């Protein structure tokens, strides 16, 4: 089934399900882009997106965080999968670039020899 058709957010039944449908669909589509095996699990599940939303909405009290909704949706299709959440603040406007104190490789490690200190 075409992914856009599968994650269709019109005609969703249930107040909570309607409220979360769009954001859950977007998250699941992103996860499908990241992992082909996850997309395959959805395709082969035989489950509908409405079924997924119903499961996510189960036992929801007054609120449900986005990350918990995504975790429940992923688990609905792939029980061993996990969802990680990383949140950062960028006060300097680096547009996602790592701060200068972080290094992506160990090549940029600063080292000093105690022998160098003894030369003074």
PDB file of N, CA and C in Angstrom:
ATOM      1  N   UNK A   1       0.845  -1.186   0.000  1.00  0.00           N
ATOM      2  CA  UNK A   1       0.000   0.000   0.000  1.00  0.00           C
ATOM      3  C   UNK A   1       0.885   1.241   0.000  1.00  0.00           C
ATOM      4  N   UNK A   2       0.469   2.245  -0.704  1.00  0.00           N
ATOM      5  CA  UNK A   2       1.163   3.533  -0.749  1.00  0.00           C
ATOM      6  C   UNK A   2       1.191   4.135   0.657  1.00  0.00           C
ATOM      7  N   UNK A   3       2.374   4.587   1.047  1.00  0.00           N
ATOM      8  CA  UNK A   3       2.530   5.109   2.406  1.00  0.00           C
ATOM      9  C   UNK A   3       1.593   6.276   2.689  1.00  0.00           C
ATOM     10  N   UNK A   4       1.451   7.200   1.747  1.00  0.00           N
ATOM     11  CA  UNK A   4       0.566   8.353   1.963  1.00  0.00           C
ATOM     12  C   UNK A   4      -0.872   7.904   2.186  1.00  0.00           C
ATOM     13  N   UNK A   5      -1.263   6.858   1.510  1.00  0.00           N
ATOM     14  CA  UNK A   5      -2.615   6.327   1.675  1.00  0.00           C
ATOM     15  C   UNK A   5      -2.760   5.624   3.022  1.00  0.00           C
ATOM     16  N   UNK A   6      -1.737   4.888   3.418  1.00  0.00           N
ATOM     17  CA  UNK A   6      -1.791   4.150   4.679  1.00  0.00           C
ATOM     18  C   UNK A   6      -1.907   5.098   5.871  1.00  0.00           C
ATOM     19  N   UNK A   7      -1.118   6.172   5.873  1.00  0.00           N
ATOM     20  CA  UNK A   7      -1.108   7.111   6.988  1.00  0.00           C
ATOM     21  C   UNK A   7      -2.091   8.270   6.780  1.00  0.00           C
ATOM     22  N   UNK A   8      -3.141   8.001   6.074  1.00  0.00           N
ATOM     23  CA  UNK A   8      -4.170   9.010   5.808  1.00  0.00           C
ATOM     24  C   UNK A   8      -4.812   9.440   7.126  1.00  0.00           C
ATOM     25  N   UNK A   9      -4.886  10.735   7.348  1.00  0.00           N
ATOM     26  CA  UNK A   9      -5.375  11.240   8.635  1.00  0.00           C
ATOM     27  C   UNK A   9      -6.823  11.726   8.570  1.00  0.00           C
ATOM     28  N   UNK A  10      -7.468  11.609   7.443  1.00  0.00           N
ATOM     29  CA  UNK A  10      -8.885  11.973   7.365  1.00  0.00           C
ATOM     30  C   UNK A  10      -9.720  10.739   7.675  1.00  0.00           C
ATOM     31  N   UNK A  11     -10.853  10.953   8.287  1.00  0.00           N
ATOM     32  CA  UNK A  11     -11.752   9.858   8.624  1.00  0.00           C
ATOM     33  C   UNK A  11     -11.358   9.084   9.871  1.00  0.00           C
ATOM     34  N   UNK A  12     -10.418   9.609  10.624  1.00  0.00           N
ATOM     35  CA  UNK A  12      -9.987   8.958  11.863  1.00  0.00           C
ATOM     36  C   UNK A  12     -11.096   9.089  12.902  1.00  0.00           C
ATOM     37  N   UNK A  13     -11.365   8.020  13.608  1.00  0.00           N
ATOM     38  CA  UNK A  13     -12.409   8.011  14.632  1.00  0.00           C
ATOM     39  C   UNK A  13     -11.779   8.092  16.023  1.00  0.00           C
ATOM     40  N   UNK A  14     -12.410   8.884  16.879  1.00  0.00           N
ATOM     41  CA  UNK A  14     -11.957   9.044  18.252  1.00  0.00           C
ATOM     42  C   UNK A  14     -11.317  10.409  18.462  1.00  0.00           C
ATOM     43  N   UNK A  15     -11.671  11.033  19.569  1.00  0.00           N
ATOM     44  CA  UNK A  15     -11.179  12.384  19.868  1.00  0.00           C
ATOM     45  C   UNK A  15      -9.668  12.409  20.020  1.00  0.00           C
ATOM     46  N   UNK A  16      -9.121  11.510  20.824  1.00  0.00           N
ATOM     47  CA  UNK A  16      -7.667  11.462  21.029  1.00  0.00           C
ATOM     48  C   UNK A  16      -6.973  11.060  19.739  1.00  0.00           C
ATOM     49  N   UNK A  17      -7.528  10.069  19.062  1.00  0.00           N
ATOM     50  CA  UNK A  17      -6.942   9.588  17.826  1.00  0.00           C
ATOM     51  C   UNK A  17      -6.857  10.708  16.783  1.00  0.00           C
ATOM     52  N   UNK A  18      -7.920  11.498  16.668  1.00  0.00           N
ATOM     53  CA  UNK A  18      -7.910  12.631  15.737  1.00  0.00           C
ATOM     54  C   UNK A  18      -6.829  13.640  16.111  1.00  0.00           C
ATOM     55  N   UNK A  19      -6.691  13.885  17.410  1.00  0.00           N
ATOM     56  CA  UNK A  19      -5.732  14.881  17.882  1.00  0.00           C
ATOM     57  C   UNK A  19      -4.292  14.478  17.599  1.00  0.00           C
ATOM     58  N   UNK A  20      -3.987  13.190  17.642  1.00  0.00           N
ATOM     59  CA  UNK A  20      -2.598  12.748  17.484  1.00  0.00           C
ATOM     60  C   UNK A  20      -2.268  12.209  16.096  1.00  0.00           C
ATOM     61  N   UNK A  21      -3.287  12.013  15.265  1.00  0.00           N
ATOM     62  CA  UNK A  21      -3.100  11.332  13.979  1.00  0.00           C
ATOM     63  C   UNK A  21      -2.012  11.964  13.114  1.00  0.00           C
ATOM     64  N   UNK A  22      -2.059  13.253  12.904  1.00  0.00           N
ATOM     65  CA  UNK A  22      -1.106  13.890  11.988  1.00  0.00           C
ATOM     66  C   UNK A  22       0.328  13.765  12.474  1.00  0.00           C
ATOM     67  N   UNK A  23       0.567  14.074  13.754  1.00  0.00           N
ATOM     68  CA  UNK A  23       1.944  14.036  14.247  1.00  0.00           C
ATOM     69  C   UNK A  23       2.474  12.607  14.312  1.00  0.00           C
ATOM     70  N   UNK A  24       1.626  11.649  14.666  1.00  0.00           N
ATOM     71  CA  UNK A  24       2.055  10.252  14.696  1.00  0.00           C
ATOM     72  C   UNK A  24       2.348   9.768  13.276  1.00  0.00           C
ATOM     73  N   UNK A  25       1.513  10.135  12.329  1.00  0.00           N
ATOM     74  CA  UNK A  25       1.747   9.750  10.924  1.00  0.00           C
ATOM     75  C   UNK A  25       3.074  10.301  10.434  1.00  0.00           C
ATOM     76  N   UNK A  26       3.345  11.570  10.724  1.00  0.00           N
ATOM     77  CA  UNK A  26       4.610  12.185  10.298  1.00  0.00           C
ATOM     78  C   UNK A  26       5.804  11.477  10.932  1.00  0.00           C
ATOM     79  N   UNK A  27       5.702  11.153  12.214  1.00  0.00           N
ATOM     80  CA  UNK A  27       6.798  10.463  12.897  1.00  0.00           C
ATOM     81  C   UNK A  27       7.018   9.081  12.302  1.00  0.00           C
ATOM     82  N   UNK A  28       5.949   8.327  12.086  1.00  0.00           N
ATOM     83  CA  UNK A  28       6.081   6.987  11.528  1.00  0.00           C
ATOM     84  C   UNK A  28       6.654   7.026  10.117  1.00  0.00           C
ATOM     85  N   UNK A  29       6.255   8.011   9.326  1.00  0.00           N
ATOM     86  CA  UNK A  29       6.810   8.150   7.974  1.00  0.00           C
ATOM     87  C   UNK A  29       8.304   8.450   8.043  1.00  0.00           C
ATOM     88  N   UNK A  30       8.700   9.271   8.974  1.00  0.00           N
ATOM     89  CA  UNK A  30      10.126   9.570   9.159  1.00  0.00           C
ATOM     90  C   UNK A  30      10.882   8.308   9.559  1.00  0.00           C
ATOM     91  N   UNK A  31      10.311   7.524  10.463  1.00  0.00           N
ATOM     92  CA  UNK A  31      10.955   6.279  10.875  1.00  0.00           C
ATOM     93  C   UNK A  31      11.055   5.300   9.704  1.00  0.00           C
ATOM     94  N   UNK A  32      10.037   5.273   8.848  1.00  0.00           N
ATOM     95  CA  UNK A  32      10.075   4.416   7.658  1.00  0.00           C
ATOM     96  C   UNK A  32      11.214   4.848   6.725  1.00  0.00           C
ATOM     97  N   UNK A  33      11.420   6.160   6.613  1.00  0.00           N
ATOM     98  CA  UNK A  33      12.529   6.676   5.793  1.00  0.00           C
ATOM     99  C   UNK A  33      13.871   6.261   6.381  1.00  0.00           C
ATOM    100  N   UNK A  34      13.948   6.194   7.701  1.00  0.00           N
ATOM    101  CA  UNK A  34      15.193   5.860   8.382  1.00  0.00           C
ATOM    102  C   UNK A  34      15.489   4.365   8.353  1.00  0.00           C
ATOM    103  N   UNK A  35      14.463   3.544   8.368  1.00  0.00           N
ATOM    104  CA  UNK A  35      14.669   2.105   8.528  1.00  0.00           C
ATOM    105  C   UNK A  35      13.691   1.312   7.657  1.00  0.00           C
ATOM    106  N   UNK A  36      14.208   0.718   6.592  1.00  0.00           N
ATOM    107  CA  UNK A  36      13.379  -0.050   5.661  1.00  0.00           C
ATOM    108  C   UNK A  36      12.702  -1.238   6.338  1.00  0.00           C
ATOM    109  N   UNK A  37      13.361  -1.836   7.303  1.00  0.00           N
ATOM    110  CA  UNK A  37      12.783  -2.990   8.015  1.00  0.00           C
ATOM    111  C   UNK A  37      11.536  -2.586   8.799  1.00  0.00           C
ATOM    112  N   UNK A  38      11.542  -1.370   9.332  1.00  0.00           N
ATOM    113  CA  UNK A  38      10.359  -0.877  10.049  1.00  0.00           C
ATOM    114  C   UNK A  38       9.206  -0.678   9.072  1.00  0.00           C
ATOM    115  N   UNK A  39       9.501  -0.104   7.927  1.00  0.00           N
ATOM    116  CA  UNK A  39       8.462   0.094   6.913  1.00  0.00           C
ATOM    117  C   UNK A  39       7.880  -1.256   6.482  1.00  0.00           C
ATOM    118  N   UNK A  40       8.734  -2.235   6.306  1.00  0.00           N
ATOM    119  CA  UNK A  40       8.292  -3.570   5.934  1.00  0.00           C
ATOM    120  C   UNK A  40       7.396  -4.178   7.023  1.00  0.00           C
ATOM    121  N   UNK A  41       7.747  -3.956   8.273  1.00  0.00           N
ATOM    122  CA  UNK A  41       6.936  -4.463   9.383  1.00  0.00           C
ATOM    123  C   UNK A  41       5.530  -3.869   9.340  1.00  0.00           C
ATOM    124  N   UNK A  42       5.433  -2.590   9.015  1.00  0.00           N
ATOM    125  CA  UNK A  42       4.119  -1.947   8.912  1.00  0.00           C
ATOM    126  C   UNK A  42       3.336  -2.552   7.759  1.00  0.00           C
ATOM    127  N   UNK A  43       3.997  -2.667   6.599  1.00  0.00           N
ATOM    128  CA  UNK A  43       3.327  -3.203   5.417  1.00  0.00           C
ATOM    129  C   UNK A  43       2.816  -4.622   5.643  1.00  0.00           C
ATOM    130  N   UNK A  44       3.573  -5.426   6.353  1.00  0.00           N
ATOM    131  CA  UNK A  44       3.226  -6.832   6.545  1.00  0.00           C
ATOM    132  C   UNK A  44       2.372  -7.084   7.782  1.00  0.00           C
ATOM    133  N   UNK A  45       2.098  -6.044   8.543  1.00  0.00           N
ATOM    134  CA  UNK A  45       1.371  -6.227   9.809  1.00  0.00           C
ATOM    135  C   UNK A  45      -0.093  -6.591   9.622  1.00  0.00           C
ATOM    136  N   UNK A  46      -0.686  -6.137   8.546  1.00  0.00           N
ATOM    137  CA  UNK A  46      -2.115  -6.352   8.365  1.00  0.00           C
ATOM    138  C   UNK A  46      -2.962  -5.455   9.249  1.00  0.00           C
ATOM    139  N   UNK A  47      -2.320  -4.508   9.915  1.00  0.00           N
ATOM    140  CA  UNK A  47      -3.000  -3.604  10.837  1.00  0.00           C
ATOM    141  C   UNK A  47      -3.235  -2.257  10.147  1.00  0.00           C
ATOM    142  N   UNK A  48      -4.298  -1.578  10.559  1.00  0.00           N
ATOM    143  CA  UNK A  48      -4.595  -0.267   9.982  1.00  0.00           C
ATOM    144  C   UNK A  48      -3.990   0.835  10.849  1.00  0.00           C
ATOM    145  N   UNK A  49      -3.881   2.011  10.260  1.00  0.00           N
ATOM    146  CA  UNK A  49      -3.406   3.161  11.016  1.00  0.00           C
ATOM    147  C   UNK A  49      -4.390   3.492  12.129  1.00  0.00           C
ATOM    148  N   UNK A  50      -5.684   3.306  11.880  1.00  0.00           N
ATOM    149  CA  UNK A  50      -6.694   3.517  12.922  1.00  0.00           C
ATOM    150  C   UNK A  50      -6.448   2.565  14.086  1.00  0.00           C
ATOM    151  N   UNK A  51      -6.103   1.292  13.794  1.00  0.00           N
ATOM    152  CA  UNK A  51      -5.772   0.327  14.851  1.00  0.00           C
ATOM    153  C   UNK A  51      -4.604   0.832  15.686  1.00  0.00           C
ATOM    154  N   UNK A  52      -3.603   1.370  15.011  1.00  0.00           N
ATOM    155  CA  UNK A  52      -2.424   1.907  15.698  1.00  0.00           C
ATOM    156  C   UNK A  52      -2.820   3.046  16.631  1.00  0.00           C
ATOM    157  N   UNK A  53      -3.594   3.979  16.104  1.00  0.00           N
ATOM    158  CA  UNK A  53      -4.012   5.131  16.911  1.00  0.00           C
ATOM    159  C   UNK A  53      -4.870   4.698  18.094  1.00  0.00           C
ATOM    160  N   UNK A  54      -5.707   3.697  17.890  1.00  0.00           N
ATOM    161  CA  UNK A  54      -6.524   3.175  18.998  1.00  0.00           C
ATOM    162  C   UNK A  54      -5.634   2.613  20.098  1.00  0.00           C
ATOM    163  N   UNK A  55      -4.582   1.910  19.708  1.00  0.00           N
ATOM    164  CA  UNK A  55      -3.653   1.341  20.697  1.00  0.00           C
ATOM    165  C   UNK A  55      -2.888   2.448  21.423  1.00  0.00           C
ATOM    166  N   UNK A  56      -2.458   3.455  20.687  1.00  0.00           N
ATOM    167  CA  UNK A  56      -1.735   4.576  21.294  1.00  0.00           C
ATOM    168  C   UNK A  56      -2.623   5.301  22.296  1.00  0.00           C
ATOM    169  N   UNK A  57      -3.899   5.430  21.980  1.00  0.00           N
ATOM    170  CA  UNK A  57      -4.834   6.185  22.824  1.00  0.00           C
ATOM    171  C   UNK A  57      -5.314   5.407  24.046  1.00  0.00           C
ATOM    172  N   UNK A  58      -5.026   4.108  24.110  1.00  0.00           N
ATOM    173  CA  UNK A  58      -5.484   3.299  25.254  1.00  0.00           C
ATOM    174  C   UNK A  58      -4.908   3.813  26.562  1.00  0.00           C
ATOM    175  N   UNK A  59      -5.761   3.883  27.559  1.00  0.00           N
ATOM    176  CA  UNK A  59      -5.374   4.260  28.922  1.00  0.00           C
ATOM    177  C   UNK A  59      -4.711   5.634  29.018  1.00  0.00           C
ATOM    178  N   UNK A  60      -5.054   6.509  28.095  1.00  0.00           N
ATOM    179  CA  UNK A  60      -4.536   7.878  28.168  1.00  0.00           C
ATOM    180  C   UNK A  60      -5.439   8.656  29.111  1.00  0.00           C
ATOM    181  N   UNK A  61      -4.826   9.259  30.114  1.00  0.00           N
ATOM    182  CA  UNK A  61      -5.592  10.080  31.052  1.00  0.00           C
ATOM    183  C   UNK A  61      -5.853  11.447  30.449  1.00  0.00           C
ATOM    184  N   UNK A  62      -5.346  12.469  31.100  1.00  0.00           N
ATOM    185  CA  UNK A  62      -5.566  13.828  30.633  1.00  0.00           C
ATOM    186  C   UNK A  62      -4.588  14.303  29.583  1.00  0.00           C
ATOM    187  N   UNK A  63      -3.461  13.593  29.442  1.00  0.00           N
ATOM    188  CA  UNK A  63      -2.478  14.049  28.455  1.00  0.00           C
ATOM    189  C   UNK A  63      -1.598  12.893  28.002  1.00  0.00           C
ATOM    190  N   UNK A  64      -0.905  13.108  26.892  1.00  0.00           N
ATOM    191  CA  UNK A  64       0.012  12.139  26.324  1.00  0.00           C
ATOM    192  C   UNK A  64       1.116  12.927  25.627  1.00  0.00           C
ATOM    193  N   UNK A  65       2.359  12.698  26.035  1.00  0.00           N
ATOM    194  CA  UNK A  65       3.462  13.418  25.396  1.00  0.00           C
ATOM    195  C   UNK A  65       3.669  12.896  23.987  1.00  0.00           C
ATOM    196  N   UNK A  66       4.246  13.726  23.142  1.00  0.00           N
ATOM    197  CA  UNK A  66       4.542  13.324  21.772  1.00  0.00           C
ATOM    198  C   UNK A  66       5.424  12.092  21.750  1.00  0.00           C
ATOM    199  N   UNK A  67       6.501  12.106  22.535  1.00  0.00           N
ATOM    200  CA  UNK A  67       7.446  10.992  22.510  1.00  0.00           C
ATOM    201  C   UNK A  67       6.774   9.698  22.957  1.00  0.00           C
ATOM    202  N   UNK A  68       5.874   9.758  23.926  1.00  0.00           N
ATOM    203  CA  UNK A  68       5.173   8.547  24.362  1.00  0.00           C
ATOM    204  C   UNK A  68       4.228   8.055  23.265  1.00  0.00           C
ATOM    205  N   UNK A  69       3.594   8.961  22.565  1.00  0.00           N
ATOM    206  CA  UNK A  69       2.723   8.563  21.452  1.00  0.00           C
ATOM    207  C   UNK A  69       3.543   7.865  20.368  1.00  0.00           C
ATOM    208  N   UNK A  70       4.714   8.408  20.044  1.00  0.00           N
ATOM    209  CA  UNK A  70       5.567   7.798  19.020  1.00  0.00           C
ATOM    210  C   UNK A  70       6.075   6.431  19.480  1.00  0.00           C
ATOM    211  N   UNK A  71       6.452   6.325  20.747  1.00  0.00           N
ATOM    212  CA  UNK A  71       6.921   5.041  21.282  1.00  0.00           C
ATOM    213  C   UNK A  71       5.823   3.976  21.187  1.00  0.00           C
ATOM    214  N   UNK A  72       4.627   4.347  21.591  1.00  0.00           N
ATOM    215  CA  UNK A  72       3.516   3.393  21.540  1.00  0.00           C
ATOM    216  C   UNK A  72       3.209   2.985  20.099  1.00  0.00           C
ATOM    217  N   UNK A  73       3.244   3.947  19.186  1.00  0.00           N
ATOM    218  CA  UNK A  73       2.960   3.652  17.773  1.00  0.00           C
ATOM    219  C   UNK A  73       4.007   2.713  17.192  1.00  0.00           C
ATOM    220  N   UNK A  74       5.263   2.958  17.478  1.00  0.00           N
ATOM    221  CA  UNK A  74       6.342   2.104  16.976  1.00  0.00           C
ATOM    222  C   UNK A  74       6.204   0.702  17.552  1.00  0.00           C
ATOM    223  N   UNK A  75       5.969   0.606  18.846  1.00  0.00           N
ATOM    224  CA  UNK A  75       5.806  -0.702  19.499  1.00  0.00           C
ATOM    225  C   UNK A  75       4.608  -1.469  18.931  1.00  0.00           C
ATOM    226  N   UNK A  76       3.594  -0.758  18.499  1.00  0.00           N
ATOM    227  CA  UNK A  76       2.417  -1.401  17.913  1.00  0.00           C
ATOM    228  C   UNK A  76       2.811  -2.226  16.681  1.00  0.00           C
ATOM    229  N   UNK A  77       3.732  -1.698  15.901  1.00  0.00           N
ATOM    230  CA  UNK A  77       4.152  -2.378  14.676  1.00  0.00           C
ATOM    231  C   UNK A  77       5.389  -3.263  14.862  1.00  0.00           C
ATOM    232  N   UNK A  78       6.260  -2.888  15.785  1.00  0.00           N
ATOM    233  CA  UNK A  78       7.545  -3.577  15.924  1.00  0.00           C
ATOM    234  C   UNK A  78       7.880  -3.611  17.408  1.00  0.00           C
ATOM    235  N   UNK A  79       7.492  -4.674  18.083  1.00  0.00           N
ATOM    236  CA  UNK A  79       7.507  -4.720  19.549  1.00  0.00           C
ATOM    237  C   UNK A  79       8.890  -4.547  20.175  1.00  0.00           C
ATOM    238  N   UNK A  80       9.955  -4.861  19.460  1.00  0.00           N
ATOM    239  CA  UNK A  80      11.294  -4.748  20.044  1.00  0.00           C
ATOM    240  C   UNK A  80      11.967  -3.408  19.747  1.00  0.00           C
ATOM    241  N   UNK A  81      11.331  -2.580  18.961  1.00  0.00           N
ATOM    242  CA  UNK A  81      11.925  -1.289  18.596  1.00  0.00           C
ATOM    243  C   UNK A  81      11.809  -0.281  19.731  1.00  0.00           C
ATOM    244  N   UNK A  82      12.739   0.638  19.777  1.00  0.00           N
ATOM    245  CA  UNK A  82      12.693   1.728  20.753  1.00  0.00           C
ATOM    246  C   UNK A  82      12.803   3.057  20.012  1.00  0.00           C
ATOM    247  N   UNK A  83      12.384   4.101  20.656  1.00  0.00           N
ATOM    248  CA  UNK A  83      12.460   5.448  20.099  1.00  0.00           C
ATOM    249  C   UNK A  83      13.292   6.291  21.047  1.00  0.00           C
ATOM    250  N   UNK A  84      14.308   6.942  20.511  1.00  0.00           N
ATOM    251  CA  UNK A  84      15.145   7.839  21.309  1.00  0.00           C
ATOM    252  C   UNK A  84      14.748   9.271  21.011  1.00  0.00           C
ATOM    253  N   UNK A  85      14.941  10.101  21.992  1.00  0.00           N
ATOM    254  CA  UNK A  85      14.573  11.503  21.850  1.00  0.00           C
ATOM    255  C   UNK A  85      15.741  12.357  22.315  1.00  0.00           C
ATOM    256  N   UNK A  86      16.196  13.231  21.456  1.00  0.00           N
ATOM    257  CA  UNK A  86      17.293  14.134  21.788  1.00  0.00           C
ATOM    258  C   UNK A  86      16.791  15.562  21.615  1.00  0.00           C
ATOM    259  N   UNK A  87      16.990  16.368  22.637  1.00  0.00           N
ATOM    260  CA  UNK A  87      16.578  17.756  22.576  1.00  0.00           C
ATOM    261  C   UNK A  87      17.783  18.618  22.887  1.00  0.00           C
ATOM    262  N   UNK A  88      17.995  19.632  22.087  1.00  0.00           N
ATOM    263  CA  UNK A  88      19.121  20.536  22.289  1.00  0.00           C
ATOM    264  C   UNK A  88      18.640  21.973  22.207  1.00  0.00           C
ATOM    265  N   UNK A  89      19.363  22.833  22.839  1.00  0.00           N
ATOM    266  CA  UNK A  89      19.123  24.261  22.706  1.00  0.00           C
ATOM    267  C   UNK A  89      20.374  24.869  22.093  1.00  0.00           C
ATOM    268  N   UNK A  90      20.182  25.783  21.169  1.00  0.00           N
ATOM    269  CA  UNK A  90      21.295  26.427  20.486  1.00  0.00           C
ATOM    270  C   UNK A  90      21.153  27.935  20.674  1.00  0.00           C
ATOM    271  N   UNK A  91      21.853  28.475  21.637  1.00  0.00           N
ATOM    272  CA  UNK A  91      21.753  29.900  21.938  1.00  0.00           C
ATOM    273  C   UNK A  91      22.585  30.760  21.000  1.00  0.00           C
ATOM    274  N   UNK A  92      23.495  30.148  20.277  1.00  0.00           N
ATOM    275  CA  UNK A  92      24.397  30.910  19.406  1.00  0.00           C
ATOM    276  C   UNK A  92      23.997  30.865  17.939  1.00  0.00           C
ATOM    277  N   UNK A  93      22.978  30.104  17.603  1.00  0.00           N
ATOM    278  CA  UNK A  93      22.535  30.038  16.220  1.00  0.00           C
ATOM    279  C   UNK A  93      23.472  29.263  15.322  1.00  0.00           C
ATOM    280  N   UNK A  94      24.045  28.166  15.840  1.00  0.00           N
ATOM    281  CA  UNK A  94      24.981  27.373  15.049  1.00  0.00           C
ATOM    282  C   UNK A  94      24.288  26.487  14.031  1.00  0.00           C
ATOM    283  N   UNK A  95      22.977  26.530  13.970  1.00  0.00           N
ATOM    284  CA  UNK A  95      22.198  25.753  13.006  1.00  0.00           C
ATOM    285  C   UNK A  95      22.518  24.271  13.048  1.00  0.00           C
ATOM    286  N   UNK A  96      22.577  23.715  14.223  1.00  0.00           N
ATOM    287  CA  UNK A  96      22.782  22.283  14.371  1.00  0.00           C
ATOM    288  C   UNK A  96      24.231  21.851  14.401  1.00  0.00           C
ATOM    289  N   UNK A  97      25.160  22.763  14.199  1.00  0.00           N
ATOM    290  CA  UNK A  97      26.570  22.394  14.266  1.00  0.00           C
ATOM    291  C   UNK A  97      26.931  22.095  15.713  1.00  0.00           C
ATOM    292  N   UNK A  98      27.785  21.104  15.949  1.00  0.00           N
ATOM    293  CA  UNK A  98      28.148  20.800  17.335  1.00  0.00           C
ATOM    294  C   UNK A  98      28.922  21.963  17.949  1.00  0.00           C
ATOM    295  N   UNK A  99      28.743  22.188  19.234  1.00  0.00           N
ATOM    296  CA  UNK A  99      29.504  23.242  19.902  1.00  0.00           C
ATOM    297  C   UNK A  99      31.007  22.972  19.758  1.00  0.00           C
ATOM    298  N   UNK A 100      31.805  24.016  19.875  1.00  0.00           N
ATOM    299  CA  UNK A 100      33.245  23.848  19.676  1.00  0.00           C
ATOM    300  C   UNK A 100      33.866  22.953  20.739  1.00  0.00           C
ATOM    301  N   UNK A 101      33.182  22.740  21.826  1.00  0.00           N
ATOM    302  CA  UNK A 101      33.722  21.866  22.868  1.00  0.00           C
ATOM    303  C   UNK A 101      33.476  20.393  22.570  1.00  0.00           C
ATOM    304  N   UNK A 102      32.663  20.116  21.565  1.00  0.00           N
ATOM    305  CA  UNK A 102      32.396  18.730  21.192  1.00  0.00           C
ATOM    306  C   UNK A 102      33.195  18.385  19.950  1.00  0.00           C
ATOM    307  N   UNK A 103      33.653  17.181  19.893  1.00  0.00           N
ATOM    308  CA  UNK A 103      34.413  16.722  18.742  1.00  0.00           C
ATOM    309  C   UNK A 103      33.767  15.477  18.190  1.00  0.00           C
ATOM    310  N   UNK A 104      33.630  15.412  16.858  1.00  0.00           N
ATOM    311  CA  UNK A 104      33.053  14.230  16.244  1.00  0.00           C
ATOM    312  C   UNK A 104      34.084  13.132  16.051  1.00  0.00           C
ATOM    313  N   UNK A 105      35.343  13.452  16.143  1.00  0.00           N
ATOM    314  CA  UNK A 105      36.361  12.414  15.980  1.00  0.00           C
ATOM    315  C   UNK A 105      37.403  12.556  17.071  1.00  0.00           C
ATOM    316  N   UNK A 106      38.084  11.474  17.316  1.00  0.00           N
ATOM    317  CA  UNK A 106      39.106  11.498  18.358  1.00  0.00           C
ATOM    318  C   UNK A 106      40.389  12.150  17.856  1.00  0.00           C
ATOM    319  N   UNK A 107      40.458  12.504  16.558  1.00  0.00           N
ATOM    320  CA  UNK A 107      41.645  13.149  16.011  1.00  0.00           C
ATOM    321  C   UNK A 107      41.869  14.534  16.612  1.00  0.00           C
ATOM    322  N   UNK A 108      40.815  15.135  17.137  1.00  0.00           N
ATOM    323  CA  UNK A 108      40.904  16.490  17.662  1.00  0.00           C
ATOM    324  C   UNK A 108      41.112  16.522  19.168  1.00  0.00           C
ATOM    325  N   UNK A 109      41.576  15.436  19.736  1.00  0.00           N
ATOM    326  CA  UNK A 109      41.776  15.358  21.181  1.00  0.00           C
ATOM    327  C   UNK A 109      43.044  16.120  21.549  1.00  0.00           C
ATOM    328  N   UNK A 110      42.926  16.952  22.542  1.00  0.00           N
ATOM    329  CA  UNK A 110      44.071  17.707  23.040  1.00  0.00           C
ATOM    330  C   UNK A 110      44.833  16.853  24.031  1.00  0.00           C
ATOM    331  N   UNK A 111      46.120  16.716  23.817  1.00  0.00           N
ATOM    332  CA  UNK A 111      46.926  15.947  24.768  1.00  0.00           C
ATOM    333  C   UNK A 111      48.173  16.746  25.111  1.00  0.00           C
ATOM    334  N   UNK A 112      48.668  16.512  26.281  1.00  0.00           N
ATOM    335  CA  UNK A 112      49.878  17.189  26.741  1.00  0.00           C
ATOM    336  C   UNK A 112      50.738  16.180  27.493  1.00  0.00           C
ATOM    337  N   UNK A 113      52.010  16.274  27.295  1.00  0.00           N
ATOM    338  CA  UNK A 113      52.939  15.362  27.947  1.00  0.00           C
ATOM    339  C   UNK A 113      53.456  16.018  29.219  1.00  0.00           C
ATOM    340  N   UNK A 114      53.584  15.248  30.275  1.00  0.00           N
ATOM    341  CA  UNK A 114      54.156  15.774  31.500  1.00  0.00           C
ATOM    342  C   UNK A 114      55.628  16.168  31.284  1.00  0.00           C
ATOM    343  N   UNK A 115      56.305  15.520  30.360  1.00  0.00           N
ATOM    344  CA  UNK A 115      57.672  15.886  30.016  1.00  0.00           C
ATOM    345  C   UNK A 115      57.741  17.322  29.506  1.00  0.00           C
ATOM    346  N   UNK A 116      56.723  17.775  28.788  1.00  0.00           N
ATOM    347  CA  UNK A 116      56.672  19.129  28.288  1.00  0.00           C
ATOM    348  C   UNK A 116      56.631  20.133  29.449  1.00  0.00           C
ATOM    349  N   UNK A 117      55.923  19.768  30.502  1.00  0.00           N
ATOM    350  CA  UNK A 117      55.835  20.667  31.654  1.00  0.00           C
ATOM    351  C   UNK A 117      57.169  20.768  32.394  1.00  0.00           C
ATOM    352  N   UNK A 118      57.944  19.701  32.390  1.00  0.00           N
ATOM    353  CA  UNK A 118      59.238  19.685  33.097  1.00  0.00           C
ATOM    354  C   UNK A 118      60.297  20.506  32.392  1.00  0.00           C
ATOM    355  N   UNK A 119      60.098  20.815  31.125  1.00  0.00           N
ATOM    356  CA  UNK A 119      61.069  21.598  30.358  1.00  0.00           C
ATOM    357  C   UNK A 119      61.097  23.058  30.791  1.00  0.00           C
ATOM    358  N   UNK A 120      60.109  23.498  31.536  1.00  0.00           N
ATOM    359  CA  UNK A 120      60.065  24.926  31.927  1.00  0.00           C
ATOM    360  C   UNK A 120      61.071  25.226  32.927  1.00  0.00           C
TER     361      UNK A 120
END
